[in-house]
Amino acid sequence: MRQLQLQIEPQLDAQISDFSGPGWSEIVDGIRQLHAGLISRFYLYGEAGTGKSHLLSAICESYLELGKSAVQVSLLELLDAPIEAINALEQCDLVALDDIEAISGVKHWQKAVFHLINHNNQFGGQLIFSSRYAPIELKLELPDLQSRLTQAVSARLPNGSLYEDRYELVHSVLCRRGVVLDPQIVDYLLEHGPHQASLLLQMLDRLENLLKGERTKLSGSTLRQIYALIDEYKQSQ
């Protein structure tokens, strides 16, 4: 696949267990059905920042841990590549196509994705799609592809409005990384930081790099600087 210069998505730091809040229950149930082979196509959608790419990465990682082949590809980054490149994905156990809305208005790529679906089914593979739009909201010129996507099991990603979702995500990631943050920082982040999953994860990365694993009690001035950073980060989104 590297020889074909496919734009394979980098593995983001995410695990399915990170998305354990109540707002994610429908998504997690769909992932269980994928693993059990009960569904072959899963369509995830949500506004920018809701964690679509992180979730796709986590699902692919779960397949790799089971000894299966899985690959995540951003169609937005693949548009300039020859459509023959997608043939390399046909025999993968799981193909995760991010940014499916990117092929709206690009009919030759719509045909390529349609053929990928057909060949993937023949080999008993599975497909996940992600988009900012629900399947019925896509504006595709190829009716057959539109039909296949609307037939897929679909679920909308939560926007982070539930405190429990943010709490479970933050604490799961910190525990998995072995990172200890001052409880005051975690509380402030959950209450006043970005709500959407991917933005929350980005903020965690910034805080981790800033504090560099510091475990000692922080001074009041340092805490105020961190609070200001969280406020500034949320306002910039």
C-alpha atoms as a PDB file:
ATOM      1  CA  MET A   1       0.000   0.000   0.000  1.00  0.00           C
ATOM      2  CA  ARG A   2       2.897   2.351   0.645  1.00  0.00           C
ATOM      3  CA  GLN A   3       4.101   1.822  -2.917  1.00  0.00           C
ATOM      4  CA  LEU A   4       0.737   3.134  -4.124  1.00  0.00           C
ATOM      5  CA  GLN A   5       1.233   6.175  -1.896  1.00  0.00           C
ATOM      6  CA  LEU A   6      -2.093   5.800  -0.167  1.00  0.00           C
ATOM      7  CA  GLN A   7      -2.680   8.516   2.397  1.00  0.00           C
ATOM      8  CA  ILE A   8      -3.098   6.180   5.346  1.00  0.00           C
ATOM      9  CA  GLU A   9      -4.325   7.948   8.444  1.00  0.00           C
ATOM     10  CA  PRO A  10      -1.815   7.981  11.328  1.00  0.00           C
ATOM     11  CA  GLN A  11      -2.815   5.967  14.367  1.00  0.00           C
ATOM     12  CA  LEU A  12      -4.263   8.424  16.855  1.00  0.00           C
ATOM     13  CA  ASP A  13      -3.959   7.741  20.564  1.00  0.00           C
ATOM     14  CA  ALA A  14      -7.391   6.340  21.257  1.00  0.00           C
ATOM     15  CA  GLN A  15      -8.926   3.117  22.523  1.00  0.00           C
ATOM     16  CA  ILE A  16     -12.536   1.998  22.349  1.00  0.00           C
ATOM     17  CA  SER A  17     -12.600   1.955  26.154  1.00  0.00           C
ATOM     18  CA  ASP A  18     -12.085   5.749  26.114  1.00  0.00           C
ATOM     19  CA  PHE A  19     -15.584   6.196  24.704  1.00  0.00           C
ATOM     20  CA  SER A  20     -17.461   4.646  27.602  1.00  0.00           C
ATOM     21  CA  GLY A  21     -19.776   7.506  28.612  1.00  0.00           C
ATOM     22  CA  PRO A  22     -23.552   7.030  28.336  1.00  0.00           C
ATOM     23  CA  GLY A  23     -23.756   9.107  25.159  1.00  0.00           C
ATOM     24  CA  TRP A  24     -21.514   6.582  23.404  1.00  0.00           C
ATOM     25  CA  SER A  25     -23.557   3.471  24.222  1.00  0.00           C
ATOM     26  CA  GLU A  26     -25.160   3.222  20.761  1.00  0.00           C
ATOM     27  CA  ILE A  27     -21.749   3.581  19.106  1.00  0.00           C
ATOM     28  CA  VAL A  28     -20.122   0.957  21.324  1.00  0.00           C
ATOM     29  CA  ASP A  29     -23.006  -1.432  20.689  1.00  0.00           C
ATOM     30  CA  GLY A  30     -22.473  -1.005  16.942  1.00  0.00           C
ATOM     31  CA  ILE A  31     -18.764  -1.757  17.369  1.00  0.00           C
ATOM     32  CA  ARG A  32     -19.630  -4.950  19.254  1.00  0.00           C
ATOM     33  CA  GLN A  33     -21.860  -5.953  16.353  1.00  0.00           C
ATOM     34  CA  LEU A  34     -18.988  -5.282  13.954  1.00  0.00           C
ATOM     35  CA  HIS A  35     -16.685  -7.523  15.956  1.00  0.00           C
ATOM     36  CA  ALA A  36     -19.331 -10.222  16.078  1.00  0.00           C
ATOM     37  CA  GLY A  37     -19.829 -10.023  12.307  1.00  0.00           C
ATOM     38  CA  LEU A  38     -23.480  -9.050  12.700  1.00  0.00           C
ATOM     39  CA  ILE A  39     -23.112  -5.960  10.520  1.00  0.00           C
ATOM     40  CA  SER A  40     -20.844  -5.344   7.546  1.00  0.00           C
ATOM     41  CA  ARG A  41     -21.190  -1.571   7.131  1.00  0.00           C
ATOM     42  CA  PHE A  42     -21.252   1.061   9.861  1.00  0.00           C
ATOM     43  CA  TYR A  43     -21.736   4.764   9.173  1.00  0.00           C
ATOM     44  CA  LEU A  44     -20.710   7.292  11.839  1.00  0.00           C
ATOM     45  CA  TYR A  45     -21.473  10.977  11.585  1.00  0.00           C
ATOM     46  CA  GLY A  46     -21.136  14.099  13.656  1.00  0.00           C
ATOM     47  CA  GLU A  47     -19.963  17.678  13.513  1.00  0.00           C
ATOM     48  CA  ALA A  48     -16.289  18.602  13.349  1.00  0.00           C
ATOM     49  CA  GLY A  49     -14.395  17.817  16.525  1.00  0.00           C
ATOM     50  CA  THR A  50     -16.672  15.052  17.789  1.00  0.00           C
ATOM     51  CA  GLY A  51     -13.896  12.470  17.575  1.00  0.00           C
ATOM     52  CA  LYS A  52     -14.702  10.621  14.358  1.00  0.00           C
ATOM     53  CA  SER A  53     -11.089  10.071  13.321  1.00  0.00           C
ATOM     54  CA  HIS A  54     -10.050   9.100  16.852  1.00  0.00           C
ATOM     55  CA  LEU A  55     -12.871   6.565  17.025  1.00  0.00           C
ATOM     56  CA  LEU A  56     -12.022   5.068  13.622  1.00  0.00           C
ATOM     57  CA  SER A  57      -8.418   4.733  14.747  1.00  0.00           C
ATOM     58  CA  ALA A  58      -9.518   3.005  17.949  1.00  0.00           C
ATOM     59  CA  ILE A  59     -11.725   0.566  16.024  1.00  0.00           C
ATOM     60  CA  CYS A  60      -8.929  -0.260  13.581  1.00  0.00           C
ATOM     61  CA  GLU A  61      -6.543  -0.811  16.482  1.00  0.00           C
ATOM     62  CA  SER A  62      -9.023  -3.220  18.076  1.00  0.00           C
ATOM     63  CA  TYR A  63      -9.061  -5.270  14.861  1.00  0.00           C
ATOM     64  CA  LEU A  64      -5.264  -5.319  14.648  1.00  0.00           C
ATOM     65  CA  GLU A  65      -5.111  -6.580  18.231  1.00  0.00           C
ATOM     66  CA  LEU A  66      -7.276  -9.524  17.123  1.00  0.00           C
ATOM     67  CA  GLY A  67      -4.835 -10.340  14.330  1.00  0.00           C
ATOM     68  CA  LYS A  68      -7.064  -8.942  11.588  1.00  0.00           C
ATOM     69  CA  SER A  69      -6.128  -6.445   8.890  1.00  0.00           C
ATOM     70  CA  ALA A  70      -7.510  -2.944   9.243  1.00  0.00           C
ATOM     71  CA  VAL A  71      -6.725   0.372   7.603  1.00  0.00           C
ATOM     72  CA  GLN A  72      -8.002   3.925   8.005  1.00  0.00           C
ATOM     73  CA  VAL A  73      -7.991   6.267   5.016  1.00  0.00           C
ATOM     74  CA  SER A  74      -9.059   9.896   4.697  1.00  0.00           C
ATOM     75  CA  LEU A  75     -10.864  10.327   1.396  1.00  0.00           C
ATOM     76  CA  LEU A  76     -10.206  14.051   1.616  1.00  0.00           C
ATOM     77  CA  GLU A  77      -6.471  13.357   1.395  1.00  0.00           C
ATOM     78  CA  LEU A  78      -6.908  10.639  -1.226  1.00  0.00           C
ATOM     79  CA  LEU A  79      -8.704  12.716  -3.872  1.00  0.00           C
ATOM     80  CA  ASP A  80      -5.525  13.568  -5.774  1.00  0.00           C
ATOM     81  CA  ALA A  81      -4.344   9.954  -5.895  1.00  0.00           C
ATOM     82  CA  PRO A  82      -5.184   7.626  -8.795  1.00  0.00           C
ATOM     83  CA  ILE A  83      -8.398   5.746  -8.042  1.00  0.00           C
ATOM     84  CA  GLU A  84      -6.556   2.451  -8.687  1.00  0.00           C
ATOM     85  CA  ALA A  85      -4.879   2.972  -5.313  1.00  0.00           C
ATOM     86  CA  ILE A  86      -8.083   2.004  -3.544  1.00  0.00           C
ATOM     87  CA  ASN A  87      -7.853  -1.501  -5.019  1.00  0.00           C
ATOM     88  CA  ALA A  88      -5.206  -2.249  -2.406  1.00  0.00           C
ATOM     89  CA  LEU A  89      -7.903  -2.075   0.267  1.00  0.00           C
ATOM     90  CA  GLU A  90     -10.284  -4.635  -1.205  1.00  0.00           C
ATOM     91  CA  GLN A  91      -9.099  -7.639   0.794  1.00  0.00           C
ATOM     92  CA  CYS A  92      -8.676  -5.927   4.161  1.00  0.00           C
ATOM     93  CA  ASP A  93     -10.810  -7.286   6.975  1.00  0.00           C
ATOM     94  CA  LEU A  94     -11.820  -3.744   7.909  1.00  0.00           C
ATOM     95  CA  VAL A  95     -11.577  -0.526   5.886  1.00  0.00           C
ATOM     96  CA  ALA A  96     -12.392   2.760   7.623  1.00  0.00           C
ATOM     97  CA  LEU A  97     -13.104   5.572   5.177  1.00  0.00           C
ATOM     98  CA  ASP A  98     -12.973   8.965   6.851  1.00  0.00           C
ATOM     99  CA  ASP A  99     -14.452  12.163   5.346  1.00  0.00           C
ATOM    100  CA  ILE A 100     -16.847  10.390   2.963  1.00  0.00           C
ATOM    101  CA  GLU A 101     -18.469  13.744   2.116  1.00  0.00           C
ATOM    102  CA  ALA A 102     -15.216  14.727   0.364  1.00  0.00           C
ATOM    103  CA  ILE A 103     -16.216  12.741  -2.740  1.00  0.00           C
ATOM    104  CA  SER A 104     -19.389  14.775  -3.302  1.00  0.00           C
ATOM    105  CA  GLY A 105     -19.042  16.200  -6.803  1.00  0.00           C
ATOM    106  CA  VAL A 106     -16.209  13.766  -7.659  1.00  0.00           C
ATOM    107  CA  LYS A 107     -18.042  11.052  -9.527  1.00  0.00           C
ATOM    108  CA  HIS A 108     -15.020   8.887 -10.431  1.00  0.00           C
ATOM    109  CA  TRP A 109     -14.195   8.534  -6.725  1.00  0.00           C
ATOM    110  CA  GLN A 110     -17.821   7.752  -5.959  1.00  0.00           C
ATOM    111  CA  LYS A 111     -17.612   4.890  -8.466  1.00  0.00           C
ATOM    112  CA  ALA A 112     -14.347   3.721  -6.882  1.00  0.00           C
ATOM    113  CA  VAL A 113     -15.919   3.614  -3.405  1.00  0.00           C
ATOM    114  CA  PHE A 114     -18.978   1.830  -4.784  1.00  0.00           C
ATOM    115  CA  HIS A 115     -16.765  -0.846  -6.344  1.00  0.00           C
ATOM    116  CA  LEU A 116     -14.776  -1.107  -3.099  1.00  0.00           C
ATOM    117  CA  ILE A 117     -18.005  -1.859  -1.241  1.00  0.00           C
ATOM    118  CA  ASN A 118     -18.889  -4.596  -3.721  1.00  0.00           C
ATOM    119  CA  HIS A 119     -15.445  -6.225  -3.674  1.00  0.00           C
ATOM    120  CA  ASN A 120     -15.161  -5.897   0.092  1.00  0.00           C
ATOM    121  CA  ASN A 121     -18.448  -7.747   0.495  1.00  0.00           C
ATOM    122  CA  GLN A 122     -17.242 -10.517  -1.806  1.00  0.00           C
ATOM    123  CA  PHE A 123     -14.210 -11.086   0.404  1.00  0.00           C
ATOM    124  CA  GLY A 124     -16.293 -10.950   3.586  1.00  0.00           C
ATOM    125  CA  GLY A 125     -14.788  -7.680   4.724  1.00  0.00           C
ATOM    126  CA  GLN A 126     -16.339  -4.839   6.675  1.00  0.00           C
ATOM    127  CA  LEU A 127     -16.476  -1.100   6.112  1.00  0.00           C
ATOM    128  CA  ILE A 128     -16.849   1.928   8.335  1.00  0.00           C
ATOM    129  CA  PHE A 129     -17.634   5.370   6.972  1.00  0.00           C
ATOM    130  CA  SER A 130     -17.462   8.681   8.774  1.00  0.00           C
ATOM    131  CA  SER A 131     -18.808  12.058   7.802  1.00  0.00           C
ATOM    132  CA  ARG A 132     -20.046  15.356   9.137  1.00  0.00           C
ATOM    133  CA  TYR A 133     -23.372  14.523   7.516  1.00  0.00           C
ATOM    134  CA  ALA A 134     -25.985  11.824   7.959  1.00  0.00           C
ATOM    135  CA  PRO A 135     -26.264   9.411   5.002  1.00  0.00           C
ATOM    136  CA  ILE A 136     -29.464  11.003   3.713  1.00  0.00           C
ATOM    137  CA  GLU A 137     -27.800  14.440   3.806  1.00  0.00           C
ATOM    138  CA  LEU A 138     -24.959  13.481   1.472  1.00  0.00           C
ATOM    139  CA  LYS A 139     -25.150  15.000  -1.988  1.00  0.00           C
ATOM    140  CA  LEU A 140     -23.780  12.246  -4.191  1.00  0.00           C
ATOM    141  CA  GLU A 141     -24.240  12.021  -7.928  1.00  0.00           C
ATOM    142  CA  LEU A 142     -24.103   8.212  -7.922  1.00  0.00           C
ATOM    143  CA  PRO A 143     -27.502   6.894  -6.725  1.00  0.00           C
ATOM    144  CA  ASP A 144     -26.187   3.360  -6.183  1.00  0.00           C
ATOM    145  CA  LEU A 145     -23.545   4.589  -3.753  1.00  0.00           C
ATOM    146  CA  GLN A 146     -26.025   6.844  -1.985  1.00  0.00           C
ATOM    147  CA  SER A 147     -28.288   3.821  -1.563  1.00  0.00           C
ATOM    148  CA  ARG A 148     -25.521   1.629  -0.156  1.00  0.00           C
ATOM    149  CA  LEU A 149     -24.571   4.269   2.391  1.00  0.00           C
ATOM    150  CA  THR A 150     -28.135   4.873   3.535  1.00  0.00           C
ATOM    151  CA  GLN A 151     -28.562   1.113   4.002  1.00  0.00           C
ATOM    152  CA  ALA A 152     -25.622   0.950   6.394  1.00  0.00           C
ATOM    153  CA  VAL A 153     -26.220   0.900  10.133  1.00  0.00           C
ATOM    154  CA  SER A 154     -25.676   4.514  11.165  1.00  0.00           C
ATOM    155  CA  ALA A 155     -25.163   6.363  14.427  1.00  0.00           C
ATOM    156  CA  ARG A 156     -24.522   9.955  15.387  1.00  0.00           C
ATOM    157  CA  LEU A 157     -21.571  10.759  17.603  1.00  0.00           C
ATOM    158  CA  PRO A 158     -22.354  12.667  20.802  1.00  0.00           C
ATOM    159  CA  ASN A 159     -21.249  16.307  20.906  1.00  0.00           C
ATOM    160  CA  GLY A 160     -19.861  16.175  24.429  1.00  0.00           C
ATOM    161  CA  SER A 161     -22.716  18.041  26.046  1.00  0.00           C
ATOM    162  CA  LEU A 162     -23.027  15.297  28.703  1.00  0.00           C
ATOM    163  CA  TYR A 163     -20.627  15.806  31.588  1.00  0.00           C
ATOM    164  CA  GLU A 164     -20.452  12.020  32.082  1.00  0.00           C
ATOM    165  CA  ASP A 165     -19.120  11.549  28.538  1.00  0.00           C
ATOM    166  CA  ARG A 166     -16.337  14.074  29.100  1.00  0.00           C
ATOM    167  CA  TYR A 167     -15.533  12.634  32.528  1.00  0.00           C
ATOM    168  CA  GLU A 168     -15.188   9.060  31.267  1.00  0.00           C
ATOM    169  CA  LEU A 169     -13.085  10.130  28.279  1.00  0.00           C
ATOM    170  CA  VAL A 170     -10.639  12.246  30.289  1.00  0.00           C
ATOM    171  CA  HIS A 171     -10.209   9.772  33.137  1.00  0.00           C
ATOM    172  CA  SER A 172      -9.850   6.791  30.801  1.00  0.00           C
ATOM    173  CA  VAL A 173      -7.145   8.497  28.726  1.00  0.00           C
ATOM    174  CA  LEU A 174      -5.221   9.762  31.755  1.00  0.00           C
ATOM    175  CA  CYS A 175      -5.351   6.335  33.406  1.00  0.00           C
ATOM    176  CA  ARG A 176      -4.255   4.561  30.224  1.00  0.00           C
ATOM    177  CA  ARG A 177      -1.323   6.946  29.767  1.00  0.00           C
ATOM    178  CA  GLY A 178      -0.344   6.783  33.415  1.00  0.00           C
ATOM    179  CA  VAL A 179      -0.641  10.558  33.699  1.00  0.00           C
ATOM    180  CA  VAL A 180      -1.630  12.250  36.951  1.00  0.00           C
ATOM    181  CA  LEU A 181      -3.011  15.792  36.728  1.00  0.00           C
ATOM    182  CA  ASP A 182      -3.937  17.983  39.648  1.00  0.00           C
ATOM    183  CA  PRO A 183      -7.662  17.303  40.380  1.00  0.00           C
ATOM    184  CA  GLN A 184      -8.334  21.035  40.193  1.00  0.00           C
ATOM    185  CA  ILE A 185      -7.074  21.084  36.588  1.00  0.00           C
ATOM    186  CA  VAL A 186      -9.163  18.056  35.621  1.00  0.00           C
ATOM    187  CA  ASP A 187     -12.268  19.556  37.201  1.00  0.00           C
ATOM    188  CA  TYR A 188     -11.736  22.889  35.470  1.00  0.00           C
ATOM    189  CA  LEU A 189     -11.099  21.170  32.134  1.00  0.00           C
ATOM    190  CA  LEU A 190     -14.310  19.166  32.407  1.00  0.00           C
ATOM    191  CA  GLU A 191     -16.387  22.180  33.397  1.00  0.00           C
ATOM    192  CA  HIS A 192     -14.858  24.920  31.250  1.00  0.00           C
ATOM    193  CA  GLY A 193     -12.799  23.210  28.548  1.00  0.00           C
ATOM    194  CA  PRO A 194     -13.896  22.107  25.069  1.00  0.00           C
ATOM    195  CA  HIS A 195     -16.750  19.620  25.114  1.00  0.00           C
ATOM    196  CA  GLN A 196     -16.189  17.735  21.861  1.00  0.00           C
ATOM    197  CA  ALA A 197     -14.097  14.578  22.102  1.00  0.00           C
ATOM    198  CA  SER A 198     -11.247  15.365  19.702  1.00  0.00           C
ATOM    199  CA  LEU A 199     -10.832  18.905  21.053  1.00  0.00           C
ATOM    200  CA  LEU A 200     -10.807  17.579  24.594  1.00  0.00           C
ATOM    201  CA  LEU A 201      -8.106  15.077  23.637  1.00  0.00           C
ATOM    202  CA  GLN A 202      -6.059  17.845  22.024  1.00  0.00           C
ATOM    203  CA  MET A 203      -6.317  19.887  25.210  1.00  0.00           C
ATOM    204  CA  LEU A 204      -5.167  16.899  27.257  1.00  0.00           C
ATOM    205  CA  ASP A 205      -2.121  16.559  25.004  1.00  0.00           C
ATOM    206  CA  ARG A 206      -1.260  20.227  25.516  1.00  0.00           C
ATOM    207  CA  LEU A 207      -1.621  19.988  29.279  1.00  0.00           C
ATOM    208  CA  GLU A 208       0.451  16.809  29.432  1.00  0.00           C
ATOM    209  CA  ASN A 209       3.251  18.390  27.410  1.00  0.00           C
ATOM    210  CA  LEU A 210       3.089  21.580  29.437  1.00  0.00           C
ATOM    211  CA  LEU A 211       3.265  19.875  32.812  1.00  0.00           C
ATOM    212  CA  LYS A 212       5.603  17.073  31.646  1.00  0.00           C
ATOM    213  CA  GLY A 213       4.257  14.609  34.154  1.00  0.00           C
ATOM    214  CA  GLU A 214       4.641  17.013  37.092  1.00  0.00           C
ATOM    215  CA  ARG A 215       3.002  15.406  40.123  1.00  0.00           C
ATOM    216  CA  THR A 216       3.758  17.972  42.810  1.00  0.00           C
ATOM    217  CA  LYS A 217       1.153  20.419  44.015  1.00  0.00           C
ATOM    218  CA  LEU A 218       1.002  23.397  41.683  1.00  0.00           C
ATOM    219  CA  SER A 219       1.192  26.992  42.783  1.00  0.00           C
ATOM    220  CA  GLY A 220      -1.800  29.294  42.527  1.00  0.00           C
ATOM    221  CA  SER A 221      -0.157  31.327  39.761  1.00  0.00           C
ATOM    222  CA  THR A 222       0.578  28.188  37.728  1.00  0.00           C
ATOM    223  CA  LEU A 223      -3.001  27.012  38.100  1.00  0.00           C
ATOM    224  CA  ARG A 224      -4.293  30.381  36.935  1.00  0.00           C
ATOM    225  CA  GLN A 225      -2.051  30.187  33.847  1.00  0.00           C
ATOM    226  CA  ILE A 226      -3.405  26.736  33.044  1.00  0.00           C
ATOM    227  CA  TYR A 227      -6.992  27.890  33.539  1.00  0.00           C
ATOM    228  CA  ALA A 228      -6.317  30.797  31.173  1.00  0.00           C
ATOM    229  CA  LEU A 229      -4.895  28.359  28.595  1.00  0.00           C
ATOM    230  CA  ILE A 230      -8.017  26.198  28.811  1.00  0.00           C
ATOM    231  CA  ASP A 231     -10.254  29.255  28.440  1.00  0.00           C
ATOM    232  CA  GLU A 232      -8.230  30.518  25.488  1.00  0.00           C
ATOM    233  CA  TYR A 233      -8.269  27.114  23.807  1.00  0.00           C
ATOM    234  CA  LYS A 234     -12.031  26.784  24.075  1.00  0.00           C
ATOM    235  CA  GLN A 235     -12.628  30.317  22.809  1.00  0.00           C
ATOM    236  CA  SER A 236     -10.415  29.685  19.759  1.00  0.00           C
ATOM    237  CA  GLN A 237     -12.502  26.731  18.568  1.00  0.00           C
END
